[in-house]
């Protein structure tokens, strides 16, 4: 599978480690590899767009990264064909989530996805937060609905905002921030960005394409968490989402 990055992206190593542990052959793919024709998305079963600060986020929330795809006919065609292929899957995390949200016009079923705007705090927020996995078609979260888990967050532009033409109920939410009672929250710092209803992850294309603001790839090992039950062993519960993808591939 392709672990995709652009200038300024910095989350490719842990993303590769998580997918490799799940049984994938992770290949480092830079956008310049696709633009030059050295590599093609069609040659991969899955793609994971990683977190970081593409183009320094000077255009905001992955917009520069998305624009480099949408306005390059060859790249737009590659990505559109990949998202439409029912044998392929895709994951976007943090900056990759922001980028894919801006590609929603070429992702089947993603028309109601939100934009991601500046955090309510007007600050970059990095900490552990608690999320609940919602019942959704996402292949990554099969059998995980109802789980409430700690996860790393690290973003400055993660606040969900639905354009007027979008319907939140049709956005296929997959993840939301919850408080210590397990209730969805908009309160800082339990919700680090102020997203309405705590929503922080979505899926489309029948569950084949999923975008998340938190970083499960940074906590797939128990030792990456500040505390965990002894019963967890080496793998944290987040490892299941990567193994779910491997099982889906057959």
C-alpha atoms as a PDB file:
ATOM      1  CA  UNK A   1       0.000   0.000   0.000  1.00  0.00           C
ATOM      2  CA  UNK A   2       1.016   3.603  -0.585  1.00  0.00           C
ATOM      3  CA  UNK A   3       1.890   5.756   2.424  1.00  0.00           C
ATOM      4  CA  UNK A   4       1.385   9.148   0.810  1.00  0.00           C
ATOM      5  CA  UNK A   5       3.120  12.361   1.725  1.00  0.00           C
ATOM      6  CA  UNK A   6       3.746  15.849   0.421  1.00  0.00           C
ATOM      7  CA  UNK A   7       6.223  18.577   1.306  1.00  0.00           C
ATOM      8  CA  UNK A   8       5.789  19.289   5.034  1.00  0.00           C
ATOM      9  CA  UNK A   9       4.109  15.993   5.921  1.00  0.00           C
ATOM     10  CA  UNK A  10       5.803  14.261   8.875  1.00  0.00           C
ATOM     11  CA  UNK A  11       3.602  11.320   9.900  1.00  0.00           C
ATOM     12  CA  UNK A  12       4.687   8.754   7.330  1.00  0.00           C
ATOM     13  CA  UNK A  13       6.994   6.692   9.568  1.00  0.00           C
ATOM     14  CA  UNK A  14       4.428   5.772  12.220  1.00  0.00           C
ATOM     15  CA  UNK A  15       1.759   5.242   9.540  1.00  0.00           C
ATOM     16  CA  UNK A  16       4.054   2.824   7.722  1.00  0.00           C
ATOM     17  CA  UNK A  17       4.854   1.037  10.986  1.00  0.00           C
ATOM     18  CA  UNK A  18       1.179   0.513  11.829  1.00  0.00           C
ATOM     19  CA  UNK A  19       0.257  -0.862   8.404  1.00  0.00           C
ATOM     20  CA  UNK A  20       3.412  -2.999   8.254  1.00  0.00           C
ATOM     21  CA  UNK A  21       2.528  -4.539  11.631  1.00  0.00           C
ATOM     22  CA  UNK A  22      -0.902  -5.370  10.200  1.00  0.00           C
ATOM     23  CA  UNK A  23       0.661  -7.317   7.338  1.00  0.00           C
ATOM     24  CA  UNK A  24       0.895  -4.757   4.539  1.00  0.00           C
ATOM     25  CA  UNK A  25       3.912  -3.886   2.426  1.00  0.00           C
ATOM     26  CA  UNK A  26       4.075  -0.140   3.050  1.00  0.00           C
ATOM     27  CA  UNK A  27       5.676   1.920   0.270  1.00  0.00           C
ATOM     28  CA  UNK A  28       6.817   5.515   0.813  1.00  0.00           C
ATOM     29  CA  UNK A  29       5.121   7.523  -1.938  1.00  0.00           C
ATOM     30  CA  UNK A  30       5.775  11.232  -2.366  1.00  0.00           C
ATOM     31  CA  UNK A  31       3.427  13.316  -4.492  1.00  0.00           C
ATOM     32  CA  UNK A  32       6.348  13.996  -6.824  1.00  0.00           C
ATOM     33  CA  UNK A  33       6.509  10.242  -7.524  1.00  0.00           C
ATOM     34  CA  UNK A  34       2.939  10.358  -8.824  1.00  0.00           C
ATOM     35  CA  UNK A  35       3.345  13.652 -10.677  1.00  0.00           C
ATOM     36  CA  UNK A  36       6.447  12.412 -12.499  1.00  0.00           C
ATOM     37  CA  UNK A  37       4.979   9.012 -13.365  1.00  0.00           C
ATOM     38  CA  UNK A  38       7.570   7.077 -11.337  1.00  0.00           C
ATOM     39  CA  UNK A  39       4.690   5.454  -9.442  1.00  0.00           C
ATOM     40  CA  UNK A  40       0.956   5.102 -10.091  1.00  0.00           C
ATOM     41  CA  UNK A  41      -1.853   4.873  -7.565  1.00  0.00           C
ATOM     42  CA  UNK A  42      -3.415   2.080  -9.611  1.00  0.00           C
ATOM     43  CA  UNK A  43      -0.532  -0.191  -8.582  1.00  0.00           C
ATOM     44  CA  UNK A  44      -1.554  -0.050  -4.907  1.00  0.00           C
ATOM     45  CA  UNK A  45      -4.423  -1.664  -3.032  1.00  0.00           C
ATOM     46  CA  UNK A  46      -4.644   1.093  -0.441  1.00  0.00           C
ATOM     47  CA  UNK A  47      -3.427   4.617   0.200  1.00  0.00           C
ATOM     48  CA  UNK A  48      -2.908   6.414   3.516  1.00  0.00           C
ATOM     49  CA  UNK A  49      -2.481  10.198   3.397  1.00  0.00           C
ATOM     50  CA  UNK A  50      -0.440  11.223   6.444  1.00  0.00           C
ATOM     51  CA  UNK A  51      -0.442  14.080   8.905  1.00  0.00           C
ATOM     52  CA  UNK A  52       1.832  17.099   9.009  1.00  0.00           C
ATOM     53  CA  UNK A  53       1.845  20.564   7.457  1.00  0.00           C
ATOM     54  CA  UNK A  54       1.714  20.321   3.670  1.00  0.00           C
ATOM     55  CA  UNK A  55       2.959  23.558   2.099  1.00  0.00           C
ATOM     56  CA  UNK A  56       3.295  24.911   5.635  1.00  0.00           C
ATOM     57  CA  UNK A  57      -0.525  25.084   5.738  1.00  0.00           C
ATOM     58  CA  UNK A  58      -0.210  28.587   4.267  1.00  0.00           C
ATOM     59  CA  UNK A  59      -3.404  28.014   2.256  1.00  0.00           C
ATOM     60  CA  UNK A  60      -5.068  26.365   5.259  1.00  0.00           C
ATOM     61  CA  UNK A  61      -6.150  22.837   6.149  1.00  0.00           C
ATOM     62  CA  UNK A  62      -4.566  20.765   3.389  1.00  0.00           C
ATOM     63  CA  UNK A  63      -5.902  23.036   0.637  1.00  0.00           C
ATOM     64  CA  UNK A  64      -2.551  23.336  -1.143  1.00  0.00           C
ATOM     65  CA  UNK A  65      -2.148  19.552  -1.221  1.00  0.00           C
ATOM     66  CA  UNK A  66      -5.682  19.052  -2.553  1.00  0.00           C
ATOM     67  CA  UNK A  67      -5.260  21.805  -5.133  1.00  0.00           C
ATOM     68  CA  UNK A  68      -2.120  20.140  -6.501  1.00  0.00           C
ATOM     69  CA  UNK A  69      -4.356  17.140  -7.313  1.00  0.00           C
ATOM     70  CA  UNK A  70      -7.556  18.802  -8.461  1.00  0.00           C
ATOM     71  CA  UNK A  71      -5.847  21.141 -10.927  1.00  0.00           C
ATOM     72  CA  UNK A  72      -3.447  18.590 -12.385  1.00  0.00           C
ATOM     73  CA  UNK A  73      -5.494  16.583 -14.937  1.00  0.00           C
ATOM     74  CA  UNK A  74      -3.254  13.528 -14.722  1.00  0.00           C
ATOM     75  CA  UNK A  75      -3.291  13.410 -10.905  1.00  0.00           C
ATOM     76  CA  UNK A  76      -7.010  14.182 -10.713  1.00  0.00           C
ATOM     77  CA  UNK A  77      -7.746  11.286 -13.039  1.00  0.00           C
ATOM     78  CA  UNK A  78      -5.521   8.934 -11.005  1.00  0.00           C
ATOM     79  CA  UNK A  79      -7.145   9.816  -7.696  1.00  0.00           C
ATOM     80  CA  UNK A  80     -10.705   9.780  -9.079  1.00  0.00           C
ATOM     81  CA  UNK A  81     -10.136   6.329 -10.596  1.00  0.00           C
ATOM     82  CA  UNK A  82      -8.629   5.068  -7.329  1.00  0.00           C
ATOM     83  CA  UNK A  83     -11.529   6.291  -5.191  1.00  0.00           C
ATOM     84  CA  UNK A  84     -14.068   4.836  -7.641  1.00  0.00           C
ATOM     85  CA  UNK A  85     -12.439   1.392  -7.703  1.00  0.00           C
ATOM     86  CA  UNK A  86     -14.352  -0.831  -5.270  1.00  0.00           C
ATOM     87  CA  UNK A  87     -11.257  -2.993  -4.693  1.00  0.00           C
ATOM     88  CA  UNK A  88      -9.283  -0.035  -3.251  1.00  0.00           C
ATOM     89  CA  UNK A  89      -9.339   1.692   0.141  1.00  0.00           C
ATOM     90  CA  UNK A  90      -8.046   4.987   1.498  1.00  0.00           C
ATOM     91  CA  UNK A  91      -7.334   6.591   4.873  1.00  0.00           C
ATOM     92  CA  UNK A  92      -6.656  10.263   5.522  1.00  0.00           C
ATOM     93  CA  UNK A  93      -5.333  11.380   8.914  1.00  0.00           C
ATOM     94  CA  UNK A  94      -4.922  14.969  10.155  1.00  0.00           C
ATOM     95  CA  UNK A  95      -3.425  16.913   7.231  1.00  0.00           C
ATOM     96  CA  UNK A  96      -4.343  13.962   5.008  1.00  0.00           C
ATOM     97  CA  UNK A  97      -7.888  14.167   6.387  1.00  0.00           C
ATOM     98  CA  UNK A  98      -8.083  17.872   5.540  1.00  0.00           C
ATOM     99  CA  UNK A  99      -6.730  17.179   2.056  1.00  0.00           C
ATOM    100  CA  UNK A 100      -9.182  14.356   1.312  1.00  0.00           C
ATOM    101  CA  UNK A 101     -12.089  16.440   2.608  1.00  0.00           C
ATOM    102  CA  UNK A 102     -11.246  18.928  -0.133  1.00  0.00           C
ATOM    103  CA  UNK A 103     -11.185  16.125  -2.708  1.00  0.00           C
ATOM    104  CA  UNK A 104     -14.776  15.151  -1.888  1.00  0.00           C
ATOM    105  CA  UNK A 105     -15.994  16.047  -5.385  1.00  0.00           C
ATOM    106  CA  UNK A 106     -14.080  13.029  -6.722  1.00  0.00           C
ATOM    107  CA  UNK A 107     -14.881  10.654  -3.809  1.00  0.00           C
ATOM    108  CA  UNK A 108     -18.138   8.689  -4.220  1.00  0.00           C
ATOM    109  CA  UNK A 109     -20.648   9.513  -1.491  1.00  0.00           C
ATOM    110  CA  UNK A 110     -18.543  12.232   0.146  1.00  0.00           C
ATOM    111  CA  UNK A 111     -20.627  15.214  -0.964  1.00  0.00           C
ATOM    112  CA  UNK A 112     -21.829  15.885   2.589  1.00  0.00           C
ATOM    113  CA  UNK A 113     -18.387  15.845   4.193  1.00  0.00           C
ATOM    114  CA  UNK A 114     -17.442  19.024   6.103  1.00  0.00           C
ATOM    115  CA  UNK A 115     -14.542  21.414   5.834  1.00  0.00           C
ATOM    116  CA  UNK A 116     -11.965  21.645   8.629  1.00  0.00           C
ATOM    117  CA  UNK A 117     -11.372  25.142   9.989  1.00  0.00           C
ATOM    118  CA  UNK A 118      -9.205  26.789  12.634  1.00  0.00           C
ATOM    119  CA  UNK A 119      -9.612  25.406  16.155  1.00  0.00           C
ATOM    120  CA  UNK A 120     -11.917  27.440  18.385  1.00  0.00           C
ATOM    121  CA  UNK A 121      -8.940  28.040  20.682  1.00  0.00           C
ATOM    122  CA  UNK A 122      -7.067  29.687  17.768  1.00  0.00           C
ATOM    123  CA  UNK A 123      -4.130  27.504  18.799  1.00  0.00           C
ATOM    124  CA  UNK A 124      -2.411  24.327  17.714  1.00  0.00           C
ATOM    125  CA  UNK A 125      -3.604  21.622  20.127  1.00  0.00           C
ATOM    126  CA  UNK A 126      -1.626  18.453  20.892  1.00  0.00           C
ATOM    127  CA  UNK A 127      -2.676  16.004  23.622  1.00  0.00           C
ATOM    128  CA  UNK A 128      -4.480  12.747  24.292  1.00  0.00           C
ATOM    129  CA  UNK A 129      -8.254  12.911  23.948  1.00  0.00           C
ATOM    130  CA  UNK A 130     -11.020  10.333  24.263  1.00  0.00           C
ATOM    131  CA  UNK A 131     -13.059   9.387  21.219  1.00  0.00           C
ATOM    132  CA  UNK A 132     -15.996   7.086  20.633  1.00  0.00           C
ATOM    133  CA  UNK A 133     -16.115   4.952  17.508  1.00  0.00           C
ATOM    134  CA  UNK A 134     -19.538   5.281  15.912  1.00  0.00           C
ATOM    135  CA  UNK A 135     -21.533   2.713  13.978  1.00  0.00           C
ATOM    136  CA  UNK A 136     -20.565   3.410  10.366  1.00  0.00           C
ATOM    137  CA  UNK A 137     -19.768   1.524   7.151  1.00  0.00           C
ATOM    138  CA  UNK A 138     -16.025   2.231   7.541  1.00  0.00           C
ATOM    139  CA  UNK A 139     -14.006  -0.918   6.865  1.00  0.00           C
ATOM    140  CA  UNK A 140     -11.445   0.272   9.399  1.00  0.00           C
ATOM    141  CA  UNK A 141     -13.881   0.203  12.310  1.00  0.00           C
ATOM    142  CA  UNK A 142     -15.697  -3.068  11.684  1.00  0.00           C
ATOM    143  CA  UNK A 143     -16.608  -4.579  15.044  1.00  0.00           C
ATOM    144  CA  UNK A 144     -15.362  -1.523  16.956  1.00  0.00           C
ATOM    145  CA  UNK A 145     -18.542   0.581  17.259  1.00  0.00           C
ATOM    146  CA  UNK A 146     -19.146   1.769  20.805  1.00  0.00           C
ATOM    147  CA  UNK A 147     -15.470   1.636  21.809  1.00  0.00           C
ATOM    148  CA  UNK A 148     -14.202   4.664  23.749  1.00  0.00           C
ATOM    149  CA  UNK A 149     -10.465   5.004  23.460  1.00  0.00           C
ATOM    150  CA  UNK A 150      -7.657   7.484  24.154  1.00  0.00           C
ATOM    151  CA  UNK A 151      -5.993   8.803  21.009  1.00  0.00           C
ATOM    152  CA  UNK A 152      -3.341  11.354  20.084  1.00  0.00           C
ATOM    153  CA  UNK A 153      -4.489  14.649  18.581  1.00  0.00           C
ATOM    154  CA  UNK A 154      -2.193  17.248  17.039  1.00  0.00           C
ATOM    155  CA  UNK A 155      -3.758  19.909  14.820  1.00  0.00           C
ATOM    156  CA  UNK A 156      -4.488  23.588  14.472  1.00  0.00           C
ATOM    157  CA  UNK A 157      -7.333  23.282  11.978  1.00  0.00           C
ATOM    158  CA  UNK A 158      -9.624  20.458  13.028  1.00  0.00           C
ATOM    159  CA  UNK A 159     -12.948  22.202  13.662  1.00  0.00           C
ATOM    160  CA  UNK A 160     -15.688  20.613  11.575  1.00  0.00           C
ATOM    161  CA  UNK A 161     -17.810  23.061   9.563  1.00  0.00           C
ATOM    162  CA  UNK A 162     -20.593  21.920   7.256  1.00  0.00           C
ATOM    163  CA  UNK A 163     -21.255  24.100   4.191  1.00  0.00           C
ATOM    164  CA  UNK A 164     -24.891  25.132   3.802  1.00  0.00           C
ATOM    165  CA  UNK A 165     -25.512  22.561   1.052  1.00  0.00           C
ATOM    166  CA  UNK A 166     -24.275  19.693   3.264  1.00  0.00           C
ATOM    167  CA  UNK A 167     -26.325  17.619   5.683  1.00  0.00           C
ATOM    168  CA  UNK A 168     -24.437  16.460   8.815  1.00  0.00           C
ATOM    169  CA  UNK A 169     -26.780  13.478   9.141  1.00  0.00           C
ATOM    170  CA  UNK A 170     -25.673  12.262   5.700  1.00  0.00           C
ATOM    171  CA  UNK A 171     -21.926  12.734   6.259  1.00  0.00           C
ATOM    172  CA  UNK A 172     -21.407   9.200   7.619  1.00  0.00           C
ATOM    173  CA  UNK A 173     -19.683  10.200  10.865  1.00  0.00           C
ATOM    174  CA  UNK A 174     -17.312   7.534  12.181  1.00  0.00           C
ATOM    175  CA  UNK A 175     -15.702   9.136  15.242  1.00  0.00           C
ATOM    176  CA  UNK A 176     -16.500  11.769  17.875  1.00  0.00           C
ATOM    177  CA  UNK A 177     -14.891  13.276  20.969  1.00  0.00           C
ATOM    178  CA  UNK A 178     -16.537  12.306  24.256  1.00  0.00           C
ATOM    179  CA  UNK A 179     -16.230  13.432  27.867  1.00  0.00           C
ATOM    180  CA  UNK A 180     -15.447  11.337  30.953  1.00  0.00           C
ATOM    181  CA  UNK A 181     -19.055  10.137  31.025  1.00  0.00           C
ATOM    182  CA  UNK A 182     -18.912   8.962  27.417  1.00  0.00           C
ATOM    183  CA  UNK A 183     -21.128  11.789  26.138  1.00  0.00           C
ATOM    184  CA  UNK A 184     -20.300  13.715  22.943  1.00  0.00           C
ATOM    185  CA  UNK A 185     -18.671  16.991  23.879  1.00  0.00           C
ATOM    186  CA  UNK A 186     -17.816  20.390  22.443  1.00  0.00           C
ATOM    187  CA  UNK A 187     -16.040  21.489  25.633  1.00  0.00           C
ATOM    188  CA  UNK A 188     -12.329  22.322  25.555  1.00  0.00           C
ATOM    189  CA  UNK A 189      -9.956  20.555  26.148  1.00  0.00           C
ATOM    190  CA  UNK A 190     -11.931  17.285  25.940  1.00  0.00           C
ATOM    191  CA  UNK A 191     -12.808  18.420  22.430  1.00  0.00           C
ATOM    192  CA  UNK A 192      -9.593  20.132  21.280  1.00  0.00           C
ATOM    193  CA  UNK A 193     -11.051  21.958  18.279  1.00  0.00           C
ATOM    194  CA  UNK A 194     -14.683  22.785  19.093  1.00  0.00           C
ATOM    195  CA  UNK A 195     -16.304  20.623  16.408  1.00  0.00           C
ATOM    196  CA  UNK A 196     -20.115  20.467  16.762  1.00  0.00           C
ATOM    197  CA  UNK A 197     -21.249  17.230  18.350  1.00  0.00           C
ATOM    198  CA  UNK A 198     -17.602  16.305  18.832  1.00  0.00           C
ATOM    199  CA  UNK A 199     -17.494  14.912  15.290  1.00  0.00           C
ATOM    200  CA  UNK A 200     -13.951  14.191  14.129  1.00  0.00           C
ATOM    201  CA  UNK A 201     -14.045  11.384  11.537  1.00  0.00           C
ATOM    202  CA  UNK A 202     -16.117  10.462   8.479  1.00  0.00           C
ATOM    203  CA  UNK A 203     -16.380   7.751   5.843  1.00  0.00           C
ATOM    204  CA  UNK A 204     -17.631   7.447   2.253  1.00  0.00           C
ATOM    205  CA  UNK A 205     -17.521   5.181  -0.799  1.00  0.00           C
ATOM    206  CA  UNK A 206     -19.351   2.464   1.107  1.00  0.00           C
ATOM    207  CA  UNK A 207     -16.793   2.629   3.919  1.00  0.00           C
ATOM    208  CA  UNK A 208     -13.719   2.273   1.692  1.00  0.00           C
ATOM    209  CA  UNK A 209     -12.563   5.877   2.255  1.00  0.00           C
ATOM    210  CA  UNK A 210     -12.233   7.182   5.814  1.00  0.00           C
ATOM    211  CA  UNK A 211     -10.888  10.491   7.132  1.00  0.00           C
ATOM    212  CA  UNK A 212      -9.895  11.216  10.751  1.00  0.00           C
ATOM    213  CA  UNK A 213      -8.430  14.197  12.569  1.00  0.00           C
ATOM    214  CA  UNK A 214      -6.916  12.190  15.476  1.00  0.00           C
ATOM    215  CA  UNK A 215      -3.778  10.073  15.040  1.00  0.00           C
ATOM    216  CA  UNK A 216      -4.480   6.369  15.754  1.00  0.00           C
ATOM    217  CA  UNK A 217      -1.193   5.498  14.024  1.00  0.00           C
ATOM    218  CA  UNK A 218       0.640   7.234  16.880  1.00  0.00           C
ATOM    219  CA  UNK A 219      -0.910   5.016  19.546  1.00  0.00           C
ATOM    220  CA  UNK A 220      -1.164   1.565  17.956  1.00  0.00           C
ATOM    221  CA  UNK A 221       1.284   0.240  20.581  1.00  0.00           C
ATOM    222  CA  UNK A 222       0.320   0.281  24.256  1.00  0.00           C
ATOM    223  CA  UNK A 223       3.673   1.814  25.255  1.00  0.00           C
ATOM    224  CA  UNK A 224       2.811   4.916  23.216  1.00  0.00           C
ATOM    225  CA  UNK A 225       0.101   5.776  25.743  1.00  0.00           C
ATOM    226  CA  UNK A 226       0.807   7.434  29.106  1.00  0.00           C
ATOM    227  CA  UNK A 227      -1.343   4.766  30.795  1.00  0.00           C
ATOM    228  CA  UNK A 228      -3.025   1.578  29.694  1.00  0.00           C
ATOM    229  CA  UNK A 229      -4.516  -1.515  31.368  1.00  0.00           C
ATOM    230  CA  UNK A 230      -2.004  -4.323  31.813  1.00  0.00           C
ATOM    231  CA  UNK A 231      -4.371  -6.605  29.936  1.00  0.00           C
ATOM    232  CA  UNK A 232      -3.763  -4.724  26.673  1.00  0.00           C
ATOM    233  CA  UNK A 233      -0.353  -6.286  26.083  1.00  0.00           C
ATOM    234  CA  UNK A 234       1.844  -5.017  23.236  1.00  0.00           C
ATOM    235  CA  UNK A 235      -0.929  -3.809  20.909  1.00  0.00           C
ATOM    236  CA  UNK A 236      -3.407  -1.102  21.824  1.00  0.00           C
ATOM    237  CA  UNK A 237      -7.020  -1.460  20.626  1.00  0.00           C
ATOM    238  CA  UNK A 238      -6.225   0.905  17.730  1.00  0.00           C
ATOM    239  CA  UNK A 239      -4.221  -1.868  16.093  1.00  0.00           C
ATOM    240  CA  UNK A 240      -7.506  -3.491  15.168  1.00  0.00           C
ATOM    241  CA  UNK A 241      -8.370  -0.793  12.628  1.00  0.00           C
ATOM    242  CA  UNK A 242      -5.213  -1.540  10.651  1.00  0.00           C
ATOM    243  CA  UNK A 243      -5.810  -5.281  10.868  1.00  0.00           C
ATOM    244  CA  UNK A 244      -9.413  -4.715   9.781  1.00  0.00           C
ATOM    245  CA  UNK A 245      -8.035  -3.187   6.576  1.00  0.00           C
ATOM    246  CA  UNK A 246      -5.819  -6.222   6.012  1.00  0.00           C
ATOM    247  CA  UNK A 247      -8.749  -8.592   6.580  1.00  0.00           C
ATOM    248  CA  UNK A 248     -10.866  -6.549   4.148  1.00  0.00           C
ATOM    249  CA  UNK A 249      -8.200  -7.012   1.481  1.00  0.00           C
ATOM    250  CA  UNK A 250      -8.527 -10.809   1.875  1.00  0.00           C
END
